[in-house]
Amino acid sequence: MILLWRQRRLLNFLLPAFIFFLGLYLGARFADYQPLVTVAGRSKRLLPIYSVATKEKKVALSFDATWGAEYTPKLLATLKQHNVRTTFFLTNIWLEKYPDIAKQIAAAGHEIGLHSATHPHFTALSEAEMERELQENSKKVQEITGYKAELFRPPFGDYNDAVIRTAERLGYRVIQWDVDSLDWQEHMTATAILERVLKNIKPGSIVLFHNNGRYTADVLGPLLERLKADGYQVVPVGELIIKGDYYIDHAGVQHPGQ
């Protein structure tokens, strides 16, 4: 009995020790290997495009329009001054209030994407409701601006497989962002917004702004000057993303197809 008790104590000591040292060995053995999810590359779940894998110093600035237009004329004037075209994602609730500004956006050569008709959380909708939101949004964009949209940004950045599947079935590429300016937050100053964007931007980035953020128009000029000085070219999202064969990895980065 005493011998059996001692054997059990020894086993209880040796087994955890063995597992501990095995973990150390395996950790050292595979430390230089990429995680399995990175090796696998492609994402199993459906994802929008957050950014693009590219060595070219190209980035896209995007502006969501859901409320207000007070600062938008200054924003458009700054873009024109710097000869830069960007992407505006428009909702019907905004288009109906500011059709003339929407026409100015299109006339200036900017890209227009869909942002829904009523700005709902798409993951709370049925696929039929999602389809109606997109179709009504597309129709309104065309009626007011004459532009045929090819991109869609889900309101609130809210998506799941059904959202991606529905949008793609209707012919729209779903676009997110990898740099959030946070220009909608009340506590964010112009300096804080500018520093945040410059700190996080990189080749292939898609930056999220809002057309009527309090300081967005003030930040835009200094940002464009800094990006130009750093060798970046600013293009619409549609010119940044890969149009042919591609895949999206687990982080939402779009890569050329292989």
Protein backbone atom coordinates (compact mmCIF):
# COMPACT_ATOMS: atom_id res chain seq x y z
CA MET A 1 0.00 0.00 0.00
CA ILE A 2 2.81 2.40 0.96
CA LEU A 3 4.67 1.51 -2.25
CA LEU A 4 1.57 2.21 -4.36
CA TRP A 5 1.06 5.55 -2.59
CA ARG A 6 4.68 6.55 -3.31
CA GLN A 7 4.36 5.55 -6.98
CA ARG A 8 1.28 7.72 -7.34
CA ARG A 9 3.04 10.69 -5.73
CA LEU A 10 5.98 10.24 -8.06
CA LEU A 11 3.66 10.05 -11.08
CA ASN A 12 1.79 13.16 -9.96
CA PHE A 13 5.11 15.00 -9.83
CA LEU A 14 6.69 13.63 -13.00
CA LEU A 15 3.70 14.05 -15.35
CA PRO A 16 3.28 17.85 -14.90
CA ALA A 17 7.05 18.25 -15.08
CA PHE A 18 7.16 16.25 -18.31
CA ILE A 19 4.36 18.36 -19.85
CA PHE A 20 6.10 21.57 -18.74
CA PHE A 21 9.45 20.67 -20.29
CA LEU A 22 7.78 19.31 -23.43
CA GLY A 23 6.09 22.68 -23.81
CA LEU A 24 9.42 24.45 -23.47
CA TYR A 25 10.97 22.19 -26.08
CA LEU A 26 8.15 22.60 -28.58
CA GLY A 27 8.09 26.36 -28.01
CA ALA A 28 11.79 26.61 -28.82
CA ARG A 29 11.48 24.12 -31.68
CA PHE A 30 8.77 26.06 -33.48
CA ALA A 31 9.53 29.62 -32.39
CA ASP A 32 10.73 30.60 -35.85
CA TYR A 33 7.64 29.22 -37.61
CA GLN A 34 4.59 31.31 -38.51
CA PRO A 35 1.32 30.59 -36.70
CA LEU A 36 -0.85 28.04 -38.49
CA VAL A 37 -3.50 30.65 -39.32
CA THR A 38 -0.84 32.76 -41.05
CA VAL A 39 0.54 29.80 -42.94
CA ALA A 40 -2.96 28.90 -44.08
CA GLY A 41 -3.31 32.40 -45.51
CA ARG A 42 -6.87 32.47 -46.74
CA SER A 43 -9.64 33.09 -44.30
CA LYS A 44 -12.31 30.42 -43.90
CA ARG A 45 -14.97 32.96 -42.97
CA LEU A 46 -16.07 35.60 -45.44
CA LEU A 47 -14.34 38.92 -44.88
CA PRO A 48 -14.48 42.39 -46.43
CA ILE A 49 -11.34 44.11 -47.70
CA TYR A 50 -9.62 45.97 -44.88
CA SER A 51 -6.43 46.80 -46.77
CA VAL A 52 -4.37 45.67 -49.76
CA ALA A 53 -1.04 43.86 -49.78
CA THR A 54 1.21 46.05 -51.93
CA LYS A 55 4.76 47.36 -51.95
CA GLU A 56 3.65 50.49 -53.78
CA LYS A 57 3.14 53.50 -51.55
CA LYS A 58 -0.52 53.85 -52.42
CA VAL A 59 -3.33 54.48 -49.94
CA ALA A 60 -7.03 55.28 -50.14
CA LEU A 61 -8.95 57.85 -48.10
CA SER A 62 -12.66 57.18 -47.66
CA PHE A 63 -15.50 59.28 -46.27
CA ASP A 64 -18.77 57.90 -44.90
CA ALA A 65 -21.76 60.23 -45.27
CA THR A 66 -24.64 59.68 -42.89
CA TRP A 67 -25.16 63.01 -41.17
CA GLY A 68 -24.53 66.68 -41.96
CA ALA A 69 -22.69 68.51 -44.72
CA GLU A 70 -21.46 71.67 -43.01
CA TYR A 71 -17.77 70.92 -43.51
CA THR A 72 -18.04 69.03 -46.80
CA PRO A 73 -17.52 72.00 -49.17
CA LYS A 74 -14.17 72.74 -47.50
CA LEU A 75 -13.25 69.08 -47.71
CA LEU A 76 -14.03 69.00 -51.45
CA ALA A 77 -12.09 72.23 -52.01
CA THR A 78 -9.02 70.77 -50.29
CA LEU A 79 -9.19 67.61 -52.36
CA LYS A 80 -9.43 69.70 -55.52
CA GLN A 81 -6.51 71.88 -54.44
CA HIS A 82 -4.32 68.79 -54.03
CA ASN A 83 -5.69 67.12 -57.17
CA VAL A 84 -6.72 64.07 -55.18
CA ARG A 85 -9.69 61.79 -55.74
CA THR A 86 -11.13 59.70 -52.96
CA THR A 87 -14.15 57.51 -52.18
CA PHE A 88 -17.42 58.63 -50.57
CA PHE A 89 -19.80 56.02 -49.15
CA LEU A 90 -23.27 57.58 -49.20
CA THR A 91 -26.54 56.65 -47.47
CA ASN A 92 -29.98 57.50 -48.81
CA ILE A 93 -30.82 59.45 -45.66
CA TRP A 94 -27.88 61.72 -46.49
CA LEU A 95 -28.47 61.81 -50.25
CA GLU A 96 -32.06 62.96 -49.78
CA LYS A 97 -30.96 65.90 -47.61
CA TYR A 98 -27.91 66.97 -49.64
CA PRO A 99 -28.45 66.03 -53.29
CA ASP A 100 -26.55 69.08 -54.57
CA ILE A 101 -23.42 68.20 -52.60
CA ALA A 102 -23.70 64.60 -53.78
CA LYS A 103 -23.72 65.92 -57.34
CA GLN A 104 -20.61 68.00 -56.56
CA ILE A 105 -18.85 64.90 -55.26
CA ALA A 106 -19.57 63.01 -58.46
CA ALA A 107 -18.75 66.00 -60.71
CA ALA A 108 -15.34 66.32 -59.02
CA GLY A 109 -14.49 62.79 -60.12
CA HIS A 110 -14.66 61.10 -56.75
CA GLU A 111 -15.70 57.49 -56.43
CA ILE A 112 -19.07 56.77 -54.83
CA GLY A 113 -19.85 53.64 -52.87
CA LEU A 114 -22.97 52.38 -51.15
CA HIS A 115 -23.49 52.79 -47.41
CA SER A 116 -27.12 51.52 -47.26
CA ALA A 117 -30.47 53.25 -47.52
CA THR A 118 -31.30 53.72 -43.83
CA HIS A 119 -28.01 52.90 -42.04
CA PRO A 120 -29.14 49.81 -40.10
CA HIS A 121 -27.07 47.08 -38.49
CA PHE A 122 -26.93 44.65 -41.40
CA THR A 123 -26.35 41.60 -39.21
CA ALA A 124 -29.83 42.15 -37.74
CA LEU A 125 -31.45 41.98 -41.20
CA SER A 126 -32.64 39.08 -43.29
CA GLU A 127 -30.92 38.61 -46.64
CA ALA A 128 -34.05 39.96 -48.35
CA GLU A 129 -33.87 43.12 -46.20
CA MET A 130 -30.15 43.50 -46.93
CA GLU A 131 -30.86 43.20 -50.63
CA ARG A 132 -33.56 45.86 -50.43
CA GLU A 133 -31.23 48.25 -48.57
CA LEU A 134 -28.55 47.83 -51.23
CA GLN A 135 -30.87 48.08 -54.21
CA GLU A 136 -32.58 51.21 -52.90
CA ASN A 137 -29.22 52.77 -52.10
CA SER A 138 -27.85 51.98 -55.55
CA LYS A 139 -30.96 53.39 -57.21
CA LYS A 140 -30.79 56.63 -55.23
CA VAL A 141 -27.08 57.11 -55.97
CA GLN A 142 -27.73 56.70 -59.69
CA GLU A 143 -30.78 58.96 -59.67
CA ILE A 144 -28.94 61.84 -58.03
CA THR A 145 -25.37 61.50 -59.27
CA GLY A 146 -25.56 59.21 -62.30
CA TYR A 147 -22.87 57.05 -60.68
CA LYS A 148 -23.08 53.25 -60.74
CA ALA A 149 -21.57 52.09 -57.46
CA GLU A 150 -19.45 48.94 -57.23
CA LEU A 151 -18.38 49.12 -53.58
CA PHE A 152 -20.31 48.77 -50.33
CA ARG A 153 -19.36 49.65 -46.77
CA PRO A 154 -21.65 48.15 -44.11
CA PRO A 155 -22.98 50.69 -41.59
CA PHE A 156 -21.11 50.58 -38.28
CA GLY A 157 -18.63 48.19 -39.94
CA ASP A 158 -21.14 45.49 -38.97
CA TYR A 159 -20.98 42.31 -41.06
CA ASN A 160 -21.11 38.53 -41.07
CA ASP A 161 -20.97 35.86 -43.77
CA ALA A 162 -24.55 36.59 -44.85
CA VAL A 163 -23.77 40.29 -45.34
CA ILE A 164 -20.71 39.56 -47.47
CA ARG A 165 -22.48 36.85 -49.44
CA THR A 166 -25.51 39.05 -50.19
CA ALA A 167 -23.45 42.05 -51.26
CA GLU A 168 -21.18 39.98 -53.49
CA ARG A 169 -24.16 38.20 -55.05
CA LEU A 170 -25.43 41.63 -56.09
CA GLY A 171 -22.03 42.53 -57.54
CA TYR A 172 -20.55 44.71 -54.78
CA ARG A 173 -17.14 44.39 -53.16
CA VAL A 174 -17.39 44.93 -49.41
CA ILE A 175 -14.92 47.46 -48.02
CA GLN A 176 -13.82 48.08 -44.43
CA TRP A 177 -10.72 49.98 -43.28
CA ASP A 178 -7.48 49.33 -41.44
CA VAL A 179 -6.98 52.91 -40.20
CA ASP A 180 -9.82 54.52 -38.25
CA SER A 181 -9.33 58.27 -37.84
CA LEU A 182 -11.90 58.40 -35.02
CA ASP A 183 -12.86 61.80 -36.42
CA TRP A 184 -16.42 61.32 -35.16
CA GLN A 185 -15.42 61.23 -31.50
CA GLU A 186 -16.01 64.46 -29.61
CA HIS A 187 -12.76 64.33 -27.64
CA MET A 188 -10.56 63.95 -30.74
CA THR A 189 -8.73 67.15 -31.71
CA ALA A 190 -7.40 67.90 -35.19
CA THR A 191 -3.87 67.17 -33.97
CA ALA A 192 -4.90 63.86 -32.43
CA ILE A 193 -6.68 62.76 -35.62
CA LEU A 194 -3.70 63.66 -37.80
CA GLU A 195 -1.21 61.91 -35.53
CA ARG A 196 -3.39 58.80 -35.32
CA VAL A 197 -3.68 58.46 -39.10
CA LEU A 198 0.00 59.11 -39.78
CA LYS A 199 1.03 56.63 -37.08
CA ASN A 200 -1.02 53.79 -38.52
CA ILE A 201 -1.03 54.34 -42.28
CA LYS A 202 1.07 52.10 -44.51
CA PRO A 203 1.14 51.00 -48.17
CA GLY A 204 -2.24 49.56 -49.08
CA SER A 205 -4.13 51.19 -46.21
CA ILE A 206 -7.77 52.26 -46.41
CA VAL A 207 -8.47 55.16 -44.05
CA LEU A 208 -11.90 55.82 -42.55
CA PHE A 209 -13.11 59.42 -42.26
CA HIS A 210 -16.55 61.00 -42.16
CA ASN A 211 -17.54 63.79 -44.51
CA ASN A 212 -18.83 65.94 -41.67
CA GLY A 213 -16.41 65.18 -38.87
CA ARG A 214 -15.79 68.39 -36.91
CA TYR A 215 -12.07 68.55 -37.71
CA THR A 216 -11.86 66.27 -40.75
CA ALA A 217 -11.65 69.09 -43.30
CA ASP A 218 -9.00 70.85 -41.19
CA VAL A 219 -6.90 67.67 -40.97
CA LEU A 220 -7.13 66.81 -44.66
CA GLY A 221 -4.76 69.47 -46.02
CA PRO A 222 -1.87 68.76 -43.63
CA LEU A 223 -2.41 65.02 -44.09
CA LEU A 224 -2.22 65.19 -47.88
CA GLU A 225 0.91 67.34 -47.69
CA ARG A 226 2.58 64.89 -45.32
CA LEU A 227 1.61 61.87 -47.40
CA LYS A 228 2.97 63.50 -50.55
CA ALA A 229 6.22 64.37 -48.77
CA ASP A 230 6.53 60.76 -47.64
CA GLY A 231 6.12 59.51 -51.20
CA TYR A 232 2.53 58.29 -50.98
CA GLN A 233 -0.05 58.47 -53.74
CA VAL A 234 -3.68 58.82 -52.66
CA VAL A 235 -6.19 56.99 -54.87
CA PRO A 236 -9.86 55.98 -54.65
CA VAL A 237 -10.54 52.63 -53.02
CA GLY A 238 -11.56 51.16 -56.38
CA GLU A 239 -8.11 51.92 -57.79
CA LEU A 240 -6.30 50.52 -54.75
CA ILE A 241 -8.00 47.13 -54.53
CA ILE A 242 -7.11 44.16 -56.73
CA LYS A 243 -9.70 43.62 -59.44
CA GLY A 244 -8.61 40.27 -60.87
CA ASP A 245 -7.91 37.03 -59.05
CA TYR A 246 -7.33 37.59 -55.33
CA TYR A 247 -7.86 36.19 -51.87
CA ILE A 248 -8.41 37.79 -48.48
CA ASP A 249 -6.38 36.53 -45.54
CA HIS A 250 -7.50 36.11 -41.91
CA ALA A 251 -6.72 39.77 -41.18
CA GLY A 252 -8.79 41.12 -44.07
CA VAL A 253 -5.78 41.93 -46.24
CA GLN A 254 -6.40 41.46 -49.97
CA HIS A 255 -3.64 39.57 -51.82
CA PRO A 256 -3.13 38.70 -55.50
CA GLY A 257 -4.48 35.22 -56.26
CA GLN A 258 -2.12 32.27 -56.26
